[in-house]
Amino acid sequence: MATFTQILYQIVFSTKNAENTMIQDEVDKLYRYIWGVLKNKNCTLYQLNGTQNHLHILTHVHPTVSVSDLVKDIKVSSSVWIKKQKIFPNFVSWQEGYGAFTYHIDQKKILVNYIRNQHEHHRVKSFNEEFKELLEEHGVKFDERYLL
């Protein structure tokens, strides 16, 4: 029998120290690159967006791929690519960790809209506030000293 899964992952990570280093005029190039990484891993991208200091990726992760390996591949390869392409001159690296949250497929439309509207959302809420809310919503215990 084949393997069947349907799990939505919202993957969230920031630039190092959540610094505003991603330039809006160039970010679509980064998004296309990350989409390529996901396609190469047989993952389905539903939405990708962020702000100057963080990204949200809504994806189905192929059952042969671990989330930690996927995030590592995205972060390492895109960091090298960003520096080679020189699209974000002040970009140093991504933060060390990440958040990965699972959702039922019924939440897909809501999540797509939420991620699509990141710029509006962050007019009133910082990345740190948003990330804490995600952790709390999903029952993840955390120490604030290790969030950034």
N, C-alpha and C. Protein backbone atom coordinates (compact mmCIF):
# COMPACT_ATOMS: atom_id res chain seq x y z
N MET A 1 0.84 -1.18 0.00
CA MET A 1 0.00 0.00 0.00
C MET A 1 0.88 1.24 0.00
N ALA A 2 0.46 2.27 -0.68
CA ALA A 2 1.18 3.54 -0.73
C ALA A 2 1.01 4.30 0.59
N THR A 3 1.82 5.32 0.77
CA THR A 3 1.73 6.18 1.95
C THR A 3 0.91 7.40 1.59
N PHE A 4 -0.06 7.73 2.43
CA PHE A 4 -0.91 8.89 2.20
C PHE A 4 -0.89 9.79 3.43
N THR A 5 -0.69 11.06 3.21
CA THR A 5 -0.71 12.03 4.31
C THR A 5 -1.39 13.31 3.83
N GLN A 6 -1.92 14.06 4.77
CA GLN A 6 -2.48 15.38 4.47
C GLN A 6 -2.33 16.23 5.73
N ILE A 7 -1.16 16.79 5.87
CA ILE A 7 -0.86 17.61 7.04
C ILE A 7 -0.33 18.95 6.55
N LEU A 8 -0.98 20.01 6.96
CA LEU A 8 -0.50 21.35 6.63
C LEU A 8 0.52 21.77 7.68
N TYR A 9 1.64 22.26 7.22
CA TYR A 9 2.64 22.83 8.10
C TYR A 9 2.75 24.31 7.82
N GLN A 10 2.73 25.10 8.88
CA GLN A 10 3.10 26.50 8.78
C GLN A 10 4.50 26.58 9.40
N ILE A 11 5.46 26.91 8.57
CA ILE A 11 6.85 27.03 9.01
C ILE A 11 7.18 28.51 9.08
N VAL A 12 7.75 28.91 10.21
CA VAL A 12 8.03 30.33 10.45
C VAL A 12 9.45 30.47 10.95
N PHE A 13 10.20 31.37 10.33
CA PHE A 13 11.54 31.70 10.85
C PHE A 13 11.90 33.12 10.43
N SER A 14 12.84 33.69 11.16
CA SER A 14 13.21 35.08 10.91
C SER A 14 14.66 35.19 10.47
N THR A 15 15.00 36.40 10.08
CA THR A 15 16.39 36.73 9.83
C THR A 15 17.11 36.75 11.17
N LYS A 16 18.41 36.70 11.14
CA LYS A 16 19.19 36.75 12.39
C LYS A 16 18.80 37.99 13.17
N ASN A 17 18.47 37.78 14.44
CA ASN A 17 18.05 38.85 15.35
C ASN A 17 16.82 39.61 14.85
N ALA A 18 16.06 38.98 13.97
CA ALA A 18 14.86 39.59 13.38
C ALA A 18 15.15 40.97 12.80
N GLU A 19 16.32 41.09 12.18
CA GLU A 19 16.70 42.36 11.55
C GLU A 19 15.96 42.53 10.23
N ASN A 20 15.59 43.75 9.93
CA ASN A 20 14.84 44.07 8.71
C ASN A 20 15.78 44.13 7.51
N THR A 21 16.18 42.98 7.02
CA THR A 21 17.18 42.95 5.94
C THR A 21 16.63 42.52 4.59
N MET A 22 15.40 42.01 4.55
CA MET A 22 14.85 41.59 3.26
C MET A 22 14.17 42.77 2.58
N ILE A 23 14.62 43.08 1.39
CA ILE A 23 14.13 44.22 0.63
C ILE A 23 12.90 43.80 -0.17
N GLN A 24 11.81 44.52 0.02
CA GLN A 24 10.53 44.15 -0.58
C GLN A 24 10.61 44.01 -2.10
N ASP A 25 11.35 44.87 -2.78
CA ASP A 25 11.44 44.81 -4.23
C ASP A 25 12.13 43.54 -4.74
N GLU A 26 12.87 42.87 -3.90
CA GLU A 26 13.64 41.69 -4.30
C GLU A 26 13.09 40.38 -3.72
N VAL A 27 12.13 40.47 -2.84
CA VAL A 27 11.70 39.29 -2.09
C VAL A 27 11.04 38.22 -2.98
N ASP A 28 10.41 38.61 -4.07
CA ASP A 28 9.79 37.61 -4.96
C ASP A 28 10.83 36.65 -5.52
N LYS A 29 12.03 37.12 -5.74
CA LYS A 29 13.11 36.24 -6.22
C LYS A 29 13.41 35.17 -5.17
N LEU A 30 13.45 35.57 -3.91
CA LEU A 30 13.68 34.62 -2.83
C LEU A 30 12.54 33.61 -2.75
N TYR A 31 11.30 34.10 -2.87
CA TYR A 31 10.15 33.21 -2.80
C TYR A 31 10.19 32.17 -3.91
N ARG A 32 10.56 32.57 -5.12
CA ARG A 32 10.68 31.61 -6.23
C ARG A 32 11.76 30.58 -5.93
N TYR A 33 12.85 31.03 -5.33
CA TYR A 33 13.93 30.10 -4.99
C TYR A 33 13.44 29.07 -3.96
N ILE A 34 12.78 29.53 -2.91
CA ILE A 34 12.28 28.62 -1.87
C ILE A 34 11.24 27.67 -2.46
N TRP A 35 10.39 28.17 -3.33
CA TRP A 35 9.42 27.31 -4.00
C TRP A 35 10.13 26.18 -4.74
N GLY A 36 11.24 26.50 -5.39
CA GLY A 36 12.03 25.48 -6.08
C GLY A 36 12.58 24.44 -5.13
N VAL A 37 13.05 24.86 -3.97
CA VAL A 37 13.54 23.91 -2.97
C VAL A 37 12.41 22.97 -2.55
N LEU A 38 11.24 23.52 -2.30
CA LEU A 38 10.09 22.71 -1.90
C LEU A 38 9.70 21.73 -3.01
N LYS A 39 9.67 22.20 -4.24
CA LYS A 39 9.33 21.31 -5.36
C LYS A 39 10.34 20.18 -5.47
N ASN A 40 11.61 20.48 -5.30
CA ASN A 40 12.65 19.45 -5.38
C ASN A 40 12.51 18.40 -4.28
N LYS A 41 11.85 18.76 -3.20
CA LYS A 41 11.62 17.83 -2.08
C LYS A 41 10.23 17.20 -2.15
N ASN A 42 9.55 17.40 -3.28
CA ASN A 42 8.20 16.86 -3.49
C ASN A 42 7.18 17.39 -2.48
N CYS A 43 7.37 18.62 -2.05
CA CYS A 43 6.44 19.27 -1.13
C CYS A 43 5.51 20.18 -1.93
N THR A 44 4.31 20.39 -1.43
CA THR A 44 3.35 21.26 -2.09
C THR A 44 3.29 22.59 -1.36
N LEU A 45 3.61 23.66 -2.06
CA LEU A 45 3.55 24.99 -1.47
C LEU A 45 2.16 25.56 -1.68
N TYR A 46 1.54 26.02 -0.58
CA TYR A 46 0.23 26.66 -0.66
C TYR A 46 0.36 28.18 -0.55
N GLN A 47 1.27 28.66 0.28
CA GLN A 47 1.47 30.11 0.41
C GLN A 47 2.83 30.37 1.03
N LEU A 48 3.45 31.44 0.58
CA LEU A 48 4.75 31.88 1.10
C LEU A 48 4.73 33.40 1.12
N ASN A 49 5.04 33.97 2.26
CA ASN A 49 5.07 35.43 2.37
C ASN A 49 5.76 35.78 3.68
N GLY A 50 6.00 37.04 3.86
CA GLY A 50 6.62 37.50 5.09
C GLY A 50 6.77 39.01 5.07
N THR A 51 7.68 39.46 5.88
CA THR A 51 7.98 40.88 5.95
C THR A 51 9.49 41.03 5.81
N GLN A 52 10.01 42.18 6.18
CA GLN A 52 11.45 42.42 6.05
C GLN A 52 12.28 41.55 6.98
N ASN A 53 11.64 40.93 7.99
CA ASN A 53 12.45 40.18 8.96
C ASN A 53 12.03 38.73 9.21
N HIS A 54 11.01 38.24 8.52
CA HIS A 54 10.63 36.85 8.72
C HIS A 54 9.79 36.31 7.58
N LEU A 55 9.68 34.97 7.55
CA LEU A 55 8.91 34.28 6.52
C LEU A 55 7.90 33.32 7.14
N HIS A 56 6.80 33.12 6.42
CA HIS A 56 5.82 32.09 6.73
C HIS A 56 5.71 31.23 5.48
N ILE A 57 5.79 29.92 5.65
CA ILE A 57 5.64 28.98 4.55
C ILE A 57 4.51 28.04 4.93
N LEU A 58 3.49 27.97 4.09
CA LEU A 58 2.41 27.00 4.30
C LEU A 58 2.58 25.92 3.25
N THR A 59 2.82 24.70 3.70
CA THR A 59 3.16 23.63 2.79
C THR A 59 2.69 22.27 3.30
N HIS A 60 2.55 21.37 2.37
CA HIS A 60 2.41 19.96 2.71
C HIS A 60 3.80 19.37 2.55
N VAL A 61 4.28 18.68 3.55
CA VAL A 61 5.61 18.08 3.51
C VAL A 61 5.48 16.63 3.08
N HIS A 62 6.21 16.27 2.05
CA HIS A 62 6.18 14.89 1.54
C HIS A 62 6.58 13.93 2.66
N PRO A 63 5.95 12.76 2.75
CA PRO A 63 6.23 11.84 3.87
C PRO A 63 7.67 11.34 3.94
N THR A 64 8.42 11.45 2.87
CA THR A 64 9.82 11.01 2.91
C THR A 64 10.76 12.09 3.42
N VAL A 65 10.22 13.27 3.71
CA VAL A 65 11.04 14.41 4.12
C VAL A 65 10.74 14.77 5.57
N SER A 66 11.77 14.93 6.38
CA SER A 66 11.54 15.40 7.75
C SER A 66 11.46 16.93 7.73
N VAL A 67 10.63 17.47 8.59
CA VAL A 67 10.46 18.92 8.64
C VAL A 67 11.79 19.59 8.98
N SER A 68 12.52 19.03 9.93
CA SER A 68 13.80 19.65 10.33
C SER A 68 14.79 19.67 9.17
N ASP A 69 14.85 18.58 8.39
CA ASP A 69 15.74 18.57 7.23
C ASP A 69 15.28 19.56 6.16
N LEU A 70 13.97 19.65 5.97
CA LEU A 70 13.44 20.59 4.99
C LEU A 70 13.80 22.03 5.36
N VAL A 71 13.56 22.40 6.60
CA VAL A 71 13.86 23.77 7.04
C VAL A 71 15.36 24.04 6.92
N LYS A 72 16.16 23.07 7.33
CA LYS A 72 17.61 23.23 7.21
C LYS A 72 18.01 23.46 5.75
N ASP A 73 17.47 22.66 4.85
CA ASP A 73 17.79 22.82 3.43
C ASP A 73 17.36 24.17 2.89
N ILE A 74 16.16 24.61 3.27
CA ILE A 74 15.67 25.92 2.83
C ILE A 74 16.58 27.02 3.34
N LYS A 75 16.89 26.98 4.63
CA LYS A 75 17.67 28.06 5.23
C LYS A 75 19.11 28.08 4.73
N VAL A 76 19.76 26.93 4.67
CA VAL A 76 21.16 26.89 4.24
C VAL A 76 21.29 27.28 2.77
N SER A 77 20.49 26.65 1.92
CA SER A 77 20.64 26.93 0.49
C SER A 77 20.20 28.35 0.14
N SER A 78 19.12 28.84 0.75
CA SER A 78 18.67 30.21 0.44
C SER A 78 19.64 31.24 0.98
N SER A 79 20.27 30.97 2.11
CA SER A 79 21.26 31.90 2.65
C SER A 79 22.44 32.04 1.69
N VAL A 80 22.93 30.91 1.20
CA VAL A 80 24.02 30.94 0.21
C VAL A 80 23.56 31.67 -1.04
N TRP A 81 22.35 31.37 -1.51
CA TRP A 81 21.82 31.98 -2.72
C TRP A 81 21.66 33.49 -2.56
N ILE A 82 21.12 33.93 -1.42
CA ILE A 82 20.94 35.38 -1.16
C ILE A 82 22.28 36.10 -1.24
N LYS A 83 23.29 35.53 -0.62
CA LYS A 83 24.62 36.17 -0.60
C LYS A 83 25.25 36.17 -1.99
N LYS A 84 25.06 35.09 -2.73
CA LYS A 84 25.61 35.02 -4.08
C LYS A 84 24.92 36.01 -5.01
N GLN A 85 23.59 36.10 -4.90
CA GLN A 85 22.80 37.00 -5.76
C GLN A 85 22.88 38.46 -5.31
N LYS A 86 23.29 38.68 -4.05
CA LYS A 86 23.40 40.02 -3.47
C LYS A 86 22.08 40.80 -3.53
N ILE A 87 20.97 40.09 -3.28
CA ILE A 87 19.68 40.76 -3.35
C ILE A 87 19.32 41.49 -2.05
N PHE A 88 19.89 41.04 -0.94
CA PHE A 88 19.67 41.70 0.35
C PHE A 88 21.04 42.02 0.93
N PRO A 89 21.62 43.18 0.63
CA PRO A 89 23.00 43.49 1.03
C PRO A 89 23.28 43.38 2.52
N ASN A 90 22.29 43.64 3.38
CA ASN A 90 22.52 43.60 4.82
C ASN A 90 22.15 42.27 5.47
N PHE A 91 21.75 41.30 4.67
CA PHE A 91 21.38 39.99 5.18
C PHE A 91 22.62 39.26 5.68
N VAL A 92 22.57 38.79 6.94
CA VAL A 92 23.68 38.04 7.52
C VAL A 92 23.37 36.54 7.46
N SER A 93 22.21 36.16 8.00
CA SER A 93 21.80 34.77 8.01
C SER A 93 20.37 34.70 8.52
N TRP A 94 19.84 33.47 8.56
CA TRP A 94 18.56 33.23 9.19
C TRP A 94 18.79 32.96 10.68
N GLN A 95 17.76 33.10 11.48
CA GLN A 95 17.85 32.74 12.89
C GLN A 95 18.19 31.26 13.00
N GLU A 96 18.67 30.83 14.14
CA GLU A 96 19.05 29.43 14.31
C GLU A 96 17.86 28.48 14.30
N GLY A 97 16.80 28.82 14.97
CA GLY A 97 15.67 27.92 15.09
C GLY A 97 14.54 28.25 14.13
N TYR A 98 13.39 27.67 14.40
CA TYR A 98 12.20 27.92 13.57
C TYR A 98 10.99 27.43 14.35
N GLY A 99 9.83 27.78 13.84
CA GLY A 99 8.59 27.22 14.36
C GLY A 99 7.93 26.42 13.25
N ALA A 100 7.37 25.28 13.59
CA ALA A 100 6.62 24.47 12.63
C ALA A 100 5.34 24.03 13.32
N PHE A 101 4.23 24.43 12.75
CA PHE A 101 2.93 24.20 13.37
C PHE A 101 2.04 23.45 12.39
N THR A 102 1.31 22.46 12.89
CA THR A 102 0.45 21.66 12.04
C THR A 102 -1.00 22.12 12.14
N TYR A 103 -1.70 21.92 11.03
CA TYR A 103 -3.10 22.32 10.94
C TYR A 103 -3.88 21.28 10.15
N HIS A 104 -5.16 21.23 10.40
CA HIS A 104 -6.06 20.39 9.63
C HIS A 104 -6.28 21.06 8.27
N ILE A 105 -6.52 20.26 7.24
CA ILE A 105 -6.71 20.77 5.88
C ILE A 105 -7.86 21.79 5.80
N ASP A 106 -8.83 21.70 6.69
CA ASP A 106 -9.93 22.66 6.70
C ASP A 106 -9.47 24.09 6.98
N GLN A 107 -8.28 24.25 7.55
CA GLN A 107 -7.75 25.56 7.89
C GLN A 107 -6.97 26.22 6.74
N LYS A 108 -6.81 25.49 5.64
CA LYS A 108 -5.93 25.97 4.56
C LYS A 108 -6.31 27.36 4.05
N LYS A 109 -7.56 27.60 3.74
CA LYS A 109 -7.97 28.89 3.19
C LYS A 109 -7.69 30.03 4.17
N ILE A 110 -7.98 29.81 5.44
CA ILE A 110 -7.73 30.82 6.47
C ILE A 110 -6.23 31.11 6.57
N LEU A 111 -5.42 30.06 6.56
CA LEU A 111 -3.97 30.23 6.66
C LEU A 111 -3.38 30.91 5.43
N VAL A 112 -3.86 30.55 4.25
CA VAL A 112 -3.39 31.20 3.03
C VAL A 112 -3.65 32.70 3.12
N ASN A 113 -4.84 33.09 3.53
CA ASN A 113 -5.17 34.51 3.65
C ASN A 113 -4.34 35.19 4.73
N TYR A 114 -4.15 34.51 5.85
CA TYR A 114 -3.34 35.07 6.93
C TYR A 114 -1.92 35.34 6.46
N ILE A 115 -1.33 34.38 5.78
CA ILE A 115 0.06 34.54 5.31
C ILE A 115 0.12 35.56 4.19
N ARG A 116 -0.84 35.56 3.32
CA ARG A 116 -0.88 36.52 2.21
C ARG A 116 -0.92 37.95 2.73
N ASN A 117 -1.55 38.17 3.88
CA ASN A 117 -1.73 39.52 4.43
C ASN A 117 -0.74 39.86 5.53
N GLN A 118 0.45 39.34 5.47
CA GLN A 118 1.45 39.59 6.51
C GLN A 118 1.76 41.06 6.69
N HIS A 119 1.86 41.82 5.62
CA HIS A 119 2.21 43.24 5.76
C HIS A 119 1.14 44.00 6.52
N GLU A 120 -0.12 43.71 6.24
CA GLU A 120 -1.21 44.34 6.98
C GLU A 120 -1.18 43.92 8.45
N HIS A 121 -1.00 42.65 8.67
CA HIS A 121 -0.98 42.09 10.02
C HIS A 121 0.11 42.75 10.88
N HIS A 122 1.26 43.00 10.26
CA HIS A 122 2.39 43.51 11.03
C HIS A 122 2.42 45.03 11.14
N ARG A 123 1.39 45.68 10.72
CA ARG A 123 1.26 47.11 11.00
C ARG A 123 0.91 47.33 12.46
N VAL A 124 0.31 46.30 13.08
CA VAL A 124 -0.12 46.44 14.48
C VAL A 124 0.54 45.44 15.42
N LYS A 125 1.29 44.49 14.88
CA LYS A 125 1.88 43.45 15.73
C LYS A 125 3.29 43.12 15.25
N SER A 126 4.22 43.03 16.18
CA SER A 126 5.60 42.69 15.82
C SER A 126 5.73 41.20 15.54
N PHE A 127 6.82 40.82 14.89
CA PHE A 127 7.09 39.41 14.66
C PHE A 127 7.16 38.65 15.97
N ASN A 128 7.84 39.22 16.96
CA ASN A 128 7.99 38.55 18.25
C ASN A 128 6.62 38.30 18.90
N GLU A 129 5.74 39.28 18.84
CA GLU A 129 4.39 39.11 19.40
C GLU A 129 3.63 38.01 18.65
N GLU A 130 3.73 38.04 17.33
CA GLU A 130 3.06 37.03 16.51
C GLU A 130 3.59 35.63 16.82
N PHE A 131 4.90 35.50 16.92
CA PHE A 131 5.50 34.19 17.15
C PHE A 131 5.11 33.65 18.52
N LYS A 132 5.10 34.51 19.53
CA LYS A 132 4.66 34.08 20.87
C LYS A 132 3.21 33.59 20.83
N GLU A 133 2.37 34.30 20.09
CA GLU A 133 0.97 33.88 19.98
C GLU A 133 0.85 32.51 19.31
N LEU A 134 1.65 32.27 18.28
CA LEU A 134 1.63 30.97 17.61
C LEU A 134 2.06 29.86 18.58
N LEU A 135 3.10 30.12 19.34
CA LEU A 135 3.57 29.13 20.31
C LEU A 135 2.49 28.84 21.35
N GLU A 136 1.89 29.89 21.86
CA GLU A 136 0.84 29.72 22.87
C GLU A 136 -0.38 29.00 22.30
N GLU A 137 -0.79 29.39 21.09
CA GLU A 137 -1.94 28.78 20.44
C GLU A 137 -1.76 27.27 20.26
N HIS A 138 -0.52 26.86 20.03
CA HIS A 138 -0.23 25.45 19.79
C HIS A 138 0.27 24.73 21.05
N GLY A 139 0.22 25.41 22.18
CA GLY A 139 0.59 24.77 23.44
C GLY A 139 2.07 24.45 23.57
N VAL A 140 2.91 25.24 22.92
CA VAL A 140 4.35 25.02 22.97
C VAL A 140 4.93 25.83 24.12
N LYS A 141 5.58 25.16 25.05
CA LYS A 141 6.23 25.86 26.15
C LYS A 141 7.52 26.47 25.64
N PHE A 142 7.82 27.68 26.11
CA PHE A 142 9.02 28.35 25.64
C PHE A 142 9.56 29.29 26.71
N ASP A 143 10.82 29.57 26.58
CA ASP A 143 11.50 30.56 27.41
C ASP A 143 11.80 31.74 26.51
N GLU A 144 11.27 32.90 26.87
CA GLU A 144 11.41 34.08 26.01
C GLU A 144 12.87 34.45 25.72
N ARG A 145 13.79 34.03 26.57
CA ARG A 145 15.22 34.34 26.33
C ARG A 145 15.72 33.69 25.05
N TYR A 146 15.03 32.65 24.58
CA TYR A 146 15.52 31.91 23.43
C TYR A 146 14.69 32.11 22.17
N LEU A 147 13.86 33.14 22.16
CA LEU A 147 13.02 33.35 20.98
C LEU A 147 13.77 33.99 19.82
N LEU A 148 14.71 34.85 20.07
CA LEU A 148 15.46 35.47 18.96
C LEU A 148 16.92 35.17 19.05
